[in-house]
PDB file of all heavy atoms in Angstrom:
ATOM      1  N   THR A   1       8.481   3.138  -4.705  1.00  0.00           N
ATOM      2  CA  THR A   1       7.019   3.015  -4.791  1.00  0.00           C
ATOM      3  C   THR A   1       6.583   2.741  -6.229  1.00  0.00           C
ATOM      4  O   THR A   1       5.724   1.882  -6.474  1.00  0.00           O
ATOM      5  CB  THR A   1       6.337   4.286  -4.253  1.00  0.00           C
ATOM      6  OG1 THR A   1       6.723   4.454  -2.882  1.00  0.00           O
ATOM      7  CG2 THR A   1       4.830   4.197  -4.352  1.00  0.00           C
ATOM      8  N   GLN A   2       7.170   3.445  -7.182  1.00  0.00           N
ATOM      9  CA  GLN A   2       6.835   3.231  -8.592  1.00  0.00           C
ATOM     10  C   GLN A   2       7.193   1.819  -9.044  1.00  0.00           C
ATOM     11  O   GLN A   2       6.393   1.146  -9.700  1.00  0.00           O
ATOM     12  CB  GLN A   2       7.559   4.254  -9.472  1.00  0.00           C
ATOM     13  CG  GLN A   2       7.052   5.656  -9.317  1.00  0.00           C
ATOM     14  CD  GLN A   2       7.931   6.678 -10.032  1.00  0.00           C
ATOM     15  OE1 GLN A   2       8.952   6.337 -10.629  1.00  0.00           O
ATOM     16  NE2 GLN A   2       7.545   7.946  -9.950  1.00  0.00           N
ATOM     17  N   LEU A   3       8.383   1.366  -8.705  1.00  0.00           N
ATOM     18  CA  LEU A   3       8.798   0.018  -9.085  1.00  0.00           C
ATOM     19  C   LEU A   3       7.922  -1.041  -8.424  1.00  0.00           C
ATOM     20  O   LEU A   3       7.533  -2.024  -9.054  1.00  0.00           O
ATOM     21  CB  LEU A   3      10.263  -0.218  -8.712  1.00  0.00           C
ATOM     22  CG  LEU A   3      11.297   0.550  -9.524  1.00  0.00           C
ATOM     23  CD1 LEU A   3      12.686   0.375  -8.928  1.00  0.00           C
ATOM     24  CD2 LEU A   3      11.277   0.115 -10.975  1.00  0.00           C
ATOM     25  N   HIS A   4       7.619  -0.829  -7.155  1.00  0.00           N
ATOM     26  CA  HIS A   4       6.790  -1.792  -6.418  1.00  0.00           C
ATOM     27  C   HIS A   4       5.419  -1.928  -7.061  1.00  0.00           C
ATOM     28  O   HIS A   4       4.930  -3.044  -7.279  1.00  0.00           O
ATOM     29  CB  HIS A   4       6.651  -1.351  -4.953  1.00  0.00           C
ATOM     30  CG  HIS A   4       5.882  -2.298  -4.118  1.00  0.00           C
ATOM     31  ND1 HIS A   4       4.531  -2.168  -3.911  1.00  0.00           N
ATOM     32  CD2 HIS A   4       6.263  -3.411  -3.451  1.00  0.00           C
ATOM     33  CE1 HIS A   4       4.116  -3.150  -3.144  1.00  0.00           C
ATOM     34  NE2 HIS A   4       5.155  -3.921  -2.846  1.00  0.00           N
ATOM     35  N   SER A   5       4.784  -0.835  -7.373  1.00  0.00           N
ATOM     36  CA  SER A   5       3.431  -0.898  -7.921  1.00  0.00           C
ATOM     37  C   SER A   5       3.406  -1.428  -9.354  1.00  0.00           C
ATOM     38  O   SER A   5       2.434  -2.052  -9.769  1.00  0.00           O
ATOM     39  CB  SER A   5       2.755   0.472  -7.858  1.00  0.00           C
ATOM     40  OG  SER A   5       3.431   1.392  -8.687  1.00  0.00           O
ATOM     41  N   LYS A   6       4.475  -1.211 -10.095  1.00  0.00           N
ATOM     42  CA  LYS A   6       4.489  -1.614 -11.504  1.00  0.00           C
ATOM     43  C   LYS A   6       4.951  -3.060 -11.714  1.00  0.00           C
ATOM     44  O   LYS A   6       4.425  -3.749 -12.589  1.00  0.00           O
ATOM     45  CB  LYS A   6       5.390  -0.669 -12.296  1.00  0.00           C
ATOM     46  CG  LYS A   6       5.324  -0.884 -13.794  1.00  0.00           C
ATOM     47  CD  LYS A   6       6.047   0.226 -14.528  1.00  0.00           C
ATOM     48  CE  LYS A   6       5.928   0.027 -16.035  1.00  0.00           C
ATOM     49  NZ  LYS A   6       6.565   1.097 -16.787  1.00  0.00           N
ATOM     50  N   TYR A   7       5.898  -3.534 -10.910  1.00  0.00           N
ATOM     51  CA  TYR A   7       6.542  -4.804 -11.214  1.00  0.00           C
ATOM     52  C   TYR A   7       6.403  -5.904 -10.151  1.00  0.00           C
ATOM     53  O   TYR A   7       6.791  -7.039 -10.411  1.00  0.00           O
ATOM     54  CB  TYR A   7       8.036  -4.590 -11.463  1.00  0.00           C
ATOM     55  CG  TYR A   7       8.313  -3.719 -12.656  1.00  0.00           C
ATOM     56  CD1 TYR A   7       8.781  -2.416 -12.494  1.00  0.00           C
ATOM     57  CD2 TYR A   7       8.103  -4.197 -13.943  1.00  0.00           C
ATOM     58  CE1 TYR A   7       9.046  -1.617 -13.597  1.00  0.00           C
ATOM     59  CE2 TYR A   7       8.356  -3.399 -15.052  1.00  0.00           C
ATOM     60  CZ  TYR A   7       8.831  -2.112 -14.868  1.00  0.00           C
ATOM     61  OH  TYR A   7       9.081  -1.323 -15.957  1.00  0.00           O
ATOM     62  N   PHE A   8       5.897  -5.587  -8.976  1.00  0.00           N
ATOM     63  CA  PHE A   8       5.935  -6.573  -7.898  1.00  0.00           C
ATOM     64  C   PHE A   8       4.553  -6.812  -7.286  1.00  0.00           C
ATOM     65  O   PHE A   8       3.692  -5.944  -7.316  1.00  0.00           O
ATOM     66  CB  PHE A   8       6.907  -6.121  -6.795  1.00  0.00           C
ATOM     67  CG  PHE A   8       8.325  -6.084  -7.265  1.00  0.00           C
ATOM     68  CD1 PHE A   8       8.864  -4.923  -7.780  1.00  0.00           C
ATOM     69  CD2 PHE A   8       9.121  -7.210  -7.206  1.00  0.00           C
ATOM     70  CE1 PHE A   8      10.176  -4.874  -8.231  1.00  0.00           C
ATOM     71  CE2 PHE A   8      10.426  -7.187  -7.660  1.00  0.00           C
ATOM     72  CZ  PHE A   8      10.960  -6.012  -8.167  1.00  0.00           C
ATOM     73  N   ASN A   9       4.388  -8.004  -6.700  1.00  0.00           N
ATOM     74  CA  ASN A   9       3.179  -8.319  -5.946  1.00  0.00           C
ATOM     75  C   ASN A   9       3.186  -7.545  -4.633  1.00  0.00           C
ATOM     76  O   ASN A   9       4.209  -7.018  -4.213  1.00  0.00           O
ATOM     77  CB  ASN A   9       3.110  -9.819  -5.657  1.00  0.00           C
ATOM     78  CG  ASN A   9       2.944 -10.629  -6.917  1.00  0.00           C
ATOM     79  OD1 ASN A   9       2.284 -10.199  -7.850  1.00  0.00           O
ATOM     80  ND2 ASN A   9       3.560 -11.793  -6.956  1.00  0.00           N
ATOM     81  N   GLN A  10       2.066  -7.546  -3.963  1.00  0.00           N
ATOM     82  CA  GLN A  10       1.892  -6.758  -2.737  1.00  0.00           C
ATOM     83  C   GLN A  10       2.988  -7.008  -1.695  1.00  0.00           C
ATOM     84  O   GLN A  10       3.497  -6.077  -1.104  1.00  0.00           O
ATOM     85  CB  GLN A  10       0.510  -7.057  -2.129  1.00  0.00           C
ATOM     86  CG  GLN A  10       0.165  -6.224  -0.918  1.00  0.00           C
ATOM     87  CD  GLN A  10      -0.032  -4.746  -1.232  1.00  0.00           C
ATOM     88  OE1 GLN A  10      -0.298  -4.376  -2.359  1.00  0.00           O
ATOM     89  NE2 GLN A  10       0.102  -3.916  -0.235  1.00  0.00           N
ATOM     90  N   ASN A  11       3.361  -8.276  -1.476  1.00  0.00           N
ATOM     91  CA  ASN A  11       4.311  -8.599  -0.408  1.00  0.00           C
ATOM     92  C   ASN A  11       5.765  -8.682  -0.870  1.00  0.00           C
ATOM     93  O   ASN A  11       6.653  -8.930  -0.061  1.00  0.00           O
ATOM     94  CB  ASN A  11       3.916  -9.900   0.272  1.00  0.00           C
ATOM     95  CG  ASN A  11       2.598  -9.762   0.998  1.00  0.00           C
ATOM     96  OD1 ASN A  11       2.294  -8.711   1.555  1.00  0.00           O
ATOM     97  ND2 ASN A  11       1.794 -10.805   0.989  1.00  0.00           N
ATOM     98  N   ASP A  12       6.013  -8.513  -2.158  1.00  0.00           N
ATOM     99  CA  ASP A  12       7.378  -8.549  -2.658  1.00  0.00           C
ATOM    100  C   ASP A  12       7.945  -7.136  -2.734  1.00  0.00           C
ATOM    101  O   ASP A  12       7.225  -6.174  -2.930  1.00  0.00           O
ATOM    102  CB  ASP A  12       7.414  -9.159  -4.071  1.00  0.00           C
ATOM    103  CG  ASP A  12       7.027 -10.622  -4.082  1.00  0.00           C
ATOM    104  OD1 ASP A  12       7.189 -11.295  -3.046  1.00  0.00           O
ATOM    105  OD2 ASP A  12       6.552 -11.088  -5.131  1.00  0.00           O
ATOM    106  N   PHE A  13       9.246  -7.035  -2.586  1.00  0.00           N
ATOM    107  CA  PHE A  13       9.935  -5.750  -2.740  1.00  0.00           C
ATOM    108  C   PHE A  13       9.337  -4.698  -1.811  1.00  0.00           C
ATOM    109  O   PHE A  13       9.083  -3.569  -2.185  1.00  0.00           O
ATOM    110  CB  PHE A  13       9.842  -5.304  -4.208  1.00  0.00           C
ATOM    111  CG  PHE A  13      10.836  -4.246  -4.617  1.00  0.00           C
ATOM    112  CD1 PHE A  13      12.191  -4.498  -4.598  1.00  0.00           C
ATOM    113  CD2 PHE A  13      10.407  -3.011  -5.046  1.00  0.00           C
ATOM    114  CE1 PHE A  13      13.107  -3.533  -4.982  1.00  0.00           C
ATOM    115  CE2 PHE A  13      11.313  -2.026  -5.440  1.00  0.00           C
ATOM    116  CZ  PHE A  13      12.667  -2.295  -5.410  1.00  0.00           C
ATOM    117  N   ASP A  14       9.098  -5.103  -0.565  1.00  0.00           N
ATOM    118  CA  ASP A  14       8.412  -4.202   0.365  1.00  0.00           C
ATOM    119  C   ASP A  14       9.354  -3.516   1.349  1.00  0.00           C
ATOM    120  O   ASP A  14       8.917  -2.718   2.172  1.00  0.00           O
ATOM    121  CB  ASP A  14       7.304  -4.929   1.107  1.00  0.00           C
ATOM    122  CG  ASP A  14       7.802  -6.126   1.897  1.00  0.00           C
ATOM    123  OD1 ASP A  14       8.955  -6.542   1.691  1.00  0.00           O
ATOM    124  OD2 ASP A  14       7.027  -6.643   2.708  1.00  0.00           O
ATOM    125  N   GLN A  15      10.644  -3.799   1.268  1.00  0.00           N
ATOM    126  CA  GLN A  15      11.614  -3.150   2.144  1.00  0.00           C
ATOM    127  C   GLN A  15      12.415  -2.131   1.342  1.00  0.00           C
ATOM    128  O   GLN A  15      12.675  -2.330   0.159  1.00  0.00           O
ATOM    129  CB  GLN A  15      12.578  -4.184   2.738  1.00  0.00           C
ATOM    130  CG  GLN A  15      11.896  -5.254   3.551  1.00  0.00           C
ATOM    131  CD  GLN A  15      11.218  -4.704   4.785  1.00  0.00           C
ATOM    132  OE1 GLN A  15      11.801  -3.887   5.509  1.00  0.00           O
ATOM    133  NE2 GLN A  15      10.004  -5.140   5.038  1.00  0.00           N
ATOM    134  N   ILE A  16      12.796  -1.068   2.013  1.00  0.00           N
ATOM    135  CA  ILE A  16      13.676  -0.087   1.373  1.00  0.00           C
ATOM    136  C   ILE A  16      14.769   0.297   2.372  1.00  0.00           C
ATOM    137  O   ILE A  16      14.501   0.829   3.444  1.00  0.00           O
ATOM    138  CB  ILE A  16      12.900   1.148   0.853  1.00  0.00           C
ATOM    139  CG1 ILE A  16      13.850   2.125   0.175  1.00  0.00           C
ATOM    140  CG2 ILE A  16      12.069   1.786   1.930  1.00  0.00           C
ATOM    141  CD1 ILE A  16      13.164   3.226  -0.597  1.00  0.00           C
ATOM    142  N   SER A  17      15.983  -0.061   2.012  1.00  0.00           N
ATOM    143  CA  SER A  17      17.134   0.177   2.874  1.00  0.00           C
ATOM    144  C   SER A  17      17.782   1.493   2.477  1.00  0.00           C
ATOM    145  O   SER A  17      18.288   1.642   1.364  1.00  0.00           O
ATOM    146  CB  SER A  17      18.134  -0.973   2.715  1.00  0.00           C
ATOM    147  OG  SER A  17      19.296  -0.712   3.471  1.00  0.00           O
ATOM    148  N   MET A  18      17.741   2.434   3.384  1.00  0.00           N
ATOM    149  CA  MET A  18      18.405   3.719   3.159  1.00  0.00           C
ATOM    150  C   MET A  18      18.685   4.347   4.512  1.00  0.00           C
ATOM    151  O   MET A  18      17.948   4.150   5.462  1.00  0.00           O
ATOM    152  CB  MET A  18      17.551   4.642   2.284  1.00  0.00           C
ATOM    153  CG  MET A  18      16.187   4.978   2.791  1.00  0.00           C
ATOM    154  SD  MET A  18      15.298   5.969   1.561  1.00  0.00           S
ATOM    155  CE  MET A  18      13.798   6.349   2.455  1.00  0.00           C
ATOM    156  N   GLY A  19      19.784   5.030   4.578  1.00  0.00           N
ATOM    157  CA  GLY A  19      20.162   5.702   5.814  1.00  0.00           C
ATOM    158  C   GLY A  19      21.266   4.972   6.546  1.00  0.00           C
ATOM    159  O   GLY A  19      21.355   3.747   6.508  1.00  0.00           O
ATOM    160  N   MET A  20      22.111   5.768   7.176  1.00  0.00           N
ATOM    161  CA  MET A  20      23.216   5.247   7.968  1.00  0.00           C
ATOM    162  C   MET A  20      23.208   5.969   9.312  1.00  0.00           C
ATOM    163  O   MET A  20      22.318   6.775   9.580  1.00  0.00           O
ATOM    164  CB  MET A  20      24.528   5.435   7.208  1.00  0.00           C
ATOM    165  CG  MET A  20      24.534   4.671   5.884  1.00  0.00           C
ATOM    166  SD  MET A  20      26.009   4.926   4.908  1.00  0.00           S
ATOM    167  CE  MET A  20      27.163   3.905   5.801  1.00  0.00           C
ATOM    168  N   SER A  21      24.190   5.679  10.141  1.00  0.00           N
ATOM    169  CA  SER A  21      24.204   6.210  11.505  1.00  0.00           C
ATOM    170  C   SER A  21      23.949   7.711  11.576  1.00  0.00           C
ATOM    171  O   SER A  21      23.214   8.180  12.447  1.00  0.00           O
ATOM    172  CB  SER A  21      25.540   5.895  12.185  1.00  0.00           C
ATOM    173  OG  SER A  21      25.676   4.512  12.395  1.00  0.00           O
ATOM    174  N   GLN A  22      24.526   8.483  10.662  1.00  0.00           N
ATOM    175  CA  GLN A  22      24.422   9.938  10.745  1.00  0.00           C
ATOM    176  C   GLN A  22      23.107  10.490  10.213  1.00  0.00           C
ATOM    177  O   GLN A  22      22.756  11.636  10.502  1.00  0.00           O
ATOM    178  CB  GLN A  22      25.606  10.619  10.044  1.00  0.00           C
ATOM    179  CG  GLN A  22      25.624  10.455   8.539  1.00  0.00           C
ATOM    180  CD  GLN A  22      26.256   9.162   8.066  1.00  0.00           C
ATOM    181  OE1 GLN A  22      26.524   8.265   8.841  1.00  0.00           O
ATOM    182  NE2 GLN A  22      26.477   9.070   6.770  1.00  0.00           N
ATOM    183  N   ASP A  23      22.339   9.699   9.449  1.00  0.00           N
ATOM    184  CA  ASP A  23      21.114  10.243   8.850  1.00  0.00           C
ATOM    185  C   ASP A  23      19.912   9.290   8.942  1.00  0.00           C
ATOM    186  O   ASP A  23      18.930   9.465   8.244  1.00  0.00           O
ATOM    187  CB  ASP A  23      21.363  10.640   7.395  1.00  0.00           C
ATOM    188  CG  ASP A  23      21.910   9.511   6.542  1.00  0.00           C
ATOM    189  OD1 ASP A  23      21.776   8.328   6.912  1.00  0.00           O
ATOM    190  OD2 ASP A  23      22.497   9.808   5.482  1.00  0.00           O
ATOM    191  N   TYR A  24      19.997   8.304   9.831  1.00  0.00           N
ATOM    192  CA  TYR A  24      18.939   7.297   9.900  1.00  0.00           C
ATOM    193  C   TYR A  24      17.577   7.879  10.274  1.00  0.00           C
ATOM    194  O   TYR A  24      16.545   7.391   9.798  1.00  0.00           O
ATOM    195  CB  TYR A  24      19.317   6.153  10.856  1.00  0.00           C
ATOM    196  CG  TYR A  24      19.199   6.497  12.306  1.00  0.00           C
ATOM    197  CD1 TYR A  24      18.023   6.243  13.000  1.00  0.00           C
ATOM    198  CD2 TYR A  24      20.251   7.087  12.990  1.00  0.00           C
ATOM    199  CE1 TYR A  24      17.908   6.565  14.344  1.00  0.00           C
ATOM    200  CE2 TYR A  24      20.144   7.409  14.320  1.00  0.00           C
ATOM    201  CZ  TYR A  24      18.974   7.136  14.998  1.00  0.00           C
ATOM    202  OH  TYR A  24      18.858   7.460  16.319  1.00  0.00           O
ATOM    203  N   LYS A  25      17.557   8.912  11.085  1.00  0.00           N
ATOM    204  CA  LYS A  25      16.262   9.492  11.481  1.00  0.00           C
ATOM    205  C   LYS A  25      15.533  10.069  10.262  1.00  0.00           C
ATOM    206  O   LYS A  25      14.327   9.871  10.111  1.00  0.00           O
ATOM    207  CB  LYS A  25      16.457  10.565  12.544  1.00  0.00           C
ATOM    208  CG  LYS A  25      16.887  10.000  13.880  1.00  0.00           C
ATOM    209  CD  LYS A  25      17.095  11.099  14.911  1.00  0.00           C
ATOM    210  CE  LYS A  25      17.615  10.510  16.207  1.00  0.00           C
ATOM    211  NZ  LYS A  25      17.868  11.537  17.207  1.00  0.00           N
ATOM    212  N   ILE A  26      16.257  10.753   9.410  1.00  0.00           N
ATOM    213  CA  ILE A  26      15.656  11.303   8.194  1.00  0.00           C
ATOM    214  C   ILE A  26      15.196  10.162   7.292  1.00  0.00           C
ATOM    215  O   ILE A  26      14.108  10.213   6.717  1.00  0.00           O
ATOM    216  CB  ILE A  26      16.649  12.217   7.447  1.00  0.00           C
ATOM    217  CG1 ILE A  26      17.041  13.417   8.319  1.00  0.00           C
ATOM    218  CG2 ILE A  26      16.055  12.696   6.124  1.00  0.00           C
ATOM    219  CD1 ILE A  26      18.196  14.232   7.764  1.00  0.00           C
ATOM    220  N   ALA A  27      16.025   9.129   7.169  1.00  0.00           N
ATOM    221  CA  ALA A  27      15.668   7.979   6.326  1.00  0.00           C
ATOM    222  C   ALA A  27      14.361   7.347   6.793  1.00  0.00           C
ATOM    223  O   ALA A  27      13.487   7.036   5.977  1.00  0.00           O
ATOM    224  CB  ALA A  27      16.788   6.951   6.337  1.00  0.00           C
ATOM    225  N   ILE A  28      14.197   7.167   8.074  1.00  0.00           N
ATOM    226  CA  ILE A  28      12.966   6.587   8.614  1.00  0.00           C
ATOM    227  C   ILE A  28      11.782   7.513   8.355  1.00  0.00           C
ATOM    228  O   ILE A  28      10.706   7.068   7.939  1.00  0.00           O
ATOM    229  CB  ILE A  28      13.124   6.271  10.114  1.00  0.00           C
ATOM    230  CG1 ILE A  28      14.133   5.126  10.297  1.00  0.00           C
ATOM    231  CG2 ILE A  28      11.774   5.921  10.745  1.00  0.00           C
ATOM    232  CD1 ILE A  28      14.562   4.903  11.727  1.00  0.00           C
ATOM    233  N   GLU A  29      11.975   8.800   8.576  1.00  0.00           N
ATOM    234  CA  GLU A  29      10.901   9.770   8.313  1.00  0.00           C
ATOM    235  C   GLU A  29      10.459   9.748   6.850  1.00  0.00           C
ATOM    236  O   GLU A  29       9.288   9.971   6.551  1.00  0.00           O
ATOM    237  CB  GLU A  29      11.359  11.177   8.686  1.00  0.00           C
ATOM    238  CG  GLU A  29      11.520  11.399  10.160  1.00  0.00           C
ATOM    239  CD  GLU A  29      12.202  12.721  10.502  1.00  0.00           C
ATOM    240  OE1 GLU A  29      12.634  13.459   9.586  1.00  0.00           O
ATOM    241  OE2 GLU A  29      12.316  13.006  11.707  1.00  0.00           O
ATOM    242  N   GLU A  30      11.392   9.451   5.951  1.00  0.00           N
ATOM    243  CA  GLU A  30      11.084   9.451   4.519  1.00  0.00           C
ATOM    244  C   GLU A  30      10.698   8.069   3.988  1.00  0.00           C
ATOM    245  O   GLU A  30      10.560   7.887   2.798  1.00  0.00           O
ATOM    246  CB  GLU A  30      12.252  10.023   3.727  1.00  0.00           C
ATOM    247  CG  GLU A  30      12.513  11.483   4.006  1.00  0.00           C
ATOM    248  CD  GLU A  30      11.321  12.380   3.740  1.00  0.00           C
ATOM    249  OE1 GLU A  30      10.503  12.066   2.859  1.00  0.00           O
ATOM    250  OE2 GLU A  30      11.203  13.421   4.437  1.00  0.00           O
ATOM    251  N   GLY A  31      10.531   7.098   4.889  1.00  0.00           N
ATOM    252  CA  GLY A  31       9.996   5.795   4.476  1.00  0.00           C
ATOM    253  C   GLY A  31      10.960   4.638   4.512  1.00  0.00           C
ATOM    254  O   GLY A  31      10.602   3.530   4.114  1.00  0.00           O
ATOM    255  N   GLY A  32      12.165   4.830   4.975  1.00  0.00           N
ATOM    256  CA  GLY A  32      13.128   3.738   5.062  1.00  0.00           C
ATOM    257  C   GLY A  32      12.654   2.676   6.054  1.00  0.00           C
ATOM    258  O   GLY A  32      12.134   2.999   7.117  1.00  0.00           O
ATOM    259  N   THR A  33      12.828   1.419   5.690  1.00  0.00           N
ATOM    260  CA  THR A  33      12.427   0.321   6.576  1.00  0.00           C
ATOM    261  C   THR A  33      13.634  -0.427   7.123  1.00  0.00           C
ATOM    262  O   THR A  33      13.490  -1.250   8.023  1.00  0.00           O
ATOM    263  CB  THR A  33      11.508  -0.673   5.846  1.00  0.00           C
ATOM    264  OG1 THR A  33      12.188  -1.181   4.701  1.00  0.00           O
ATOM    265  CG2 THR A  33      10.212   0.000   5.431  1.00  0.00           C
ATOM    266  N   MET A  34      14.797  -0.177   6.568  1.00  0.00           N
ATOM    267  CA  MET A  34      16.045  -0.760   7.061  1.00  0.00           C
ATOM    268  C   MET A  34      17.098   0.349   7.066  1.00  0.00           C
ATOM    269  O   MET A  34      17.186   1.106   6.097  1.00  0.00           O
ATOM    270  CB  MET A  34      16.518  -1.890   6.150  1.00  0.00           C
ATOM    271  CG  MET A  34      15.581  -3.044   6.060  1.00  0.00           C
ATOM    272  SD  MET A  34      16.107  -4.102   4.704  1.00  0.00           S
ATOM    273  CE  MET A  34      16.461  -5.581   5.559  1.00  0.00           C
ATOM    274  N   VAL A  35      17.857   0.438   8.139  1.00  0.00           N
ATOM    275  CA  VAL A  35      18.933   1.426   8.219  1.00  0.00           C
ATOM    276  C   VAL A  35      20.217   0.734   8.652  1.00  0.00           C
ATOM    277  O   VAL A  35      20.186  -0.303   9.309  1.00  0.00           O
ATOM    278  CB  VAL A  35      18.599   2.581   9.187  1.00  0.00           C
ATOM    279  CG1 VAL A  35      17.458   3.427   8.653  1.00  0.00           C
ATOM    280  CG2 VAL A  35      18.273   2.071  10.572  1.00  0.00           C
ATOM    281  N   ARG A  36      21.327   1.300   8.266  1.00  0.00           N
ATOM    282  CA  ARG A  36      22.638   0.752   8.627  1.00  0.00           C
ATOM    283  C   ARG A  36      23.248   1.659   9.695  1.00  0.00           C
ATOM    284  O   ARG A  36      23.558   2.816   9.417  1.00  0.00           O
ATOM    285  CB  ARG A  36      23.522   0.698   7.379  1.00  0.00           C
ATOM    286  CG  ARG A  36      22.962  -0.269   6.335  1.00  0.00           C
ATOM    287  CD  ARG A  36      23.612  -0.029   4.994  1.00  0.00           C
ATOM    288  NE  ARG A  36      23.244   1.286   4.490  1.00  0.00           N
ATOM    289  CZ  ARG A  36      22.462   1.491   3.429  1.00  0.00           C
ATOM    290  NH1 ARG A  36      22.006   0.490   2.741  1.00  0.00           N
ATOM    291  NH2 ARG A  36      22.157   2.702   3.044  1.00  0.00           N
ATOM    292  N   ILE A  37      23.375   1.124  10.895  1.00  0.00           N
ATOM    293  CA  ILE A  37      23.829   1.945  12.021  1.00  0.00           C
ATOM    294  C   ILE A  37      25.052   1.347  12.717  1.00  0.00           C
ATOM    295  O   ILE A  37      25.245   1.503  13.921  1.00  0.00           O
ATOM    296  CB  ILE A  37      22.683   2.177  13.025  1.00  0.00           C
ATOM    297  CG1 ILE A  37      22.076   0.859  13.503  1.00  0.00           C
ATOM    298  CG2 ILE A  37      21.607   3.060  12.411  1.00  0.00           C
ATOM    299  CD1 ILE A  37      21.139   0.997  14.673  1.00  0.00           C
ATOM    300  N   GLY A  38      25.893   0.685  11.960  1.00  0.00           N
ATOM    301  CA  GLY A  38      27.085   0.049  12.525  1.00  0.00           C
ATOM    302  C   GLY A  38      27.992   0.999  13.281  1.00  0.00           C
ATOM    303  O   GLY A  38      28.493   0.669  14.355  1.00  0.00           O
ATOM    304  N   SER A  39      28.217   2.189  12.762  1.00  0.00           N
ATOM    305  CA  SER A  39      29.090   3.149  13.441  1.00  0.00           C
ATOM    306  C   SER A  39      28.531   3.582  14.785  1.00  0.00           C
ATOM    307  O   SER A  39      29.280   3.817  15.726  1.00  0.00           O
ATOM    308  CB  SER A  39      29.318   4.385  12.558  1.00  0.00           C
ATOM    309  OG  SER A  39      30.010   4.031  11.392  1.00  0.00           O
ATOM    310  N   SER A  40      27.216   3.667  14.878  1.00  0.00           N
ATOM    311  CA  SER A  40      26.596   4.034  16.157  1.00  0.00           C
ATOM    312  C   SER A  40      26.757   2.921  17.188  1.00  0.00           C
ATOM    313  O   SER A  40      26.856   3.181  18.378  1.00  0.00           O
ATOM    314  CB  SER A  40      25.108   4.327  15.966  1.00  0.00           C
ATOM    315  OG  SER A  40      24.927   5.512  15.238  1.00  0.00           O
ATOM    316  N   ILE A  41      26.800   1.692  16.723  1.00  0.00           N
ATOM    317  CA  ILE A  41      26.927   0.550  17.631  1.00  0.00           C
ATOM    318  C   ILE A  41      28.394   0.259  17.944  1.00  0.00           C
ATOM    319  O   ILE A  41      28.773   0.107  19.106  1.00  0.00           O
ATOM    320  CB  ILE A  41      26.273  -0.706  17.018  1.00  0.00           C
ATOM    321  CG1 ILE A  41      24.767  -0.479  16.847  1.00  0.00           C
ATOM    322  CG2 ILE A  41      26.540  -1.940  17.871  1.00  0.00           C
ATOM    323  CD1 ILE A  41      24.067  -1.537  16.019  1.00  0.00           C
ATOM    324  N   PHE A  42      29.222   0.183  16.907  1.00  0.00           N
ATOM    325  CA  PHE A  42      30.603  -0.268  17.059  1.00  0.00           C
ATOM    326  C   PHE A  42      31.628   0.853  17.073  1.00  0.00           C
ATOM    327  O   PHE A  42      32.801   0.616  17.330  1.00  0.00           O
ATOM    328  CB  PHE A  42      30.948  -1.247  15.930  1.00  0.00           C
ATOM    329  CG  PHE A  42      30.066  -2.453  15.901  1.00  0.00           C
ATOM    330  CD1 PHE A  42      29.152  -2.626  14.881  1.00  0.00           C
ATOM    331  CD2 PHE A  42      30.123  -3.404  16.909  1.00  0.00           C
ATOM    332  CE1 PHE A  42      28.327  -3.736  14.845  1.00  0.00           C
ATOM    333  CE2 PHE A  42      29.303  -4.510  16.891  1.00  0.00           C
ATOM    334  CZ  PHE A  42      28.398  -4.683  15.860  1.00  0.00           C
TER     335      PHE A  42
END
């Protein structure tokens, strides 16, 4: 959030990838917009 507001335009740098299969729910709750869930799928 700090980097976005200081260095980027409104539509740039708007995704935040955090969380994996074991913790994706927490990542989403804390603002993650992309999660890696390969182990849950494969």
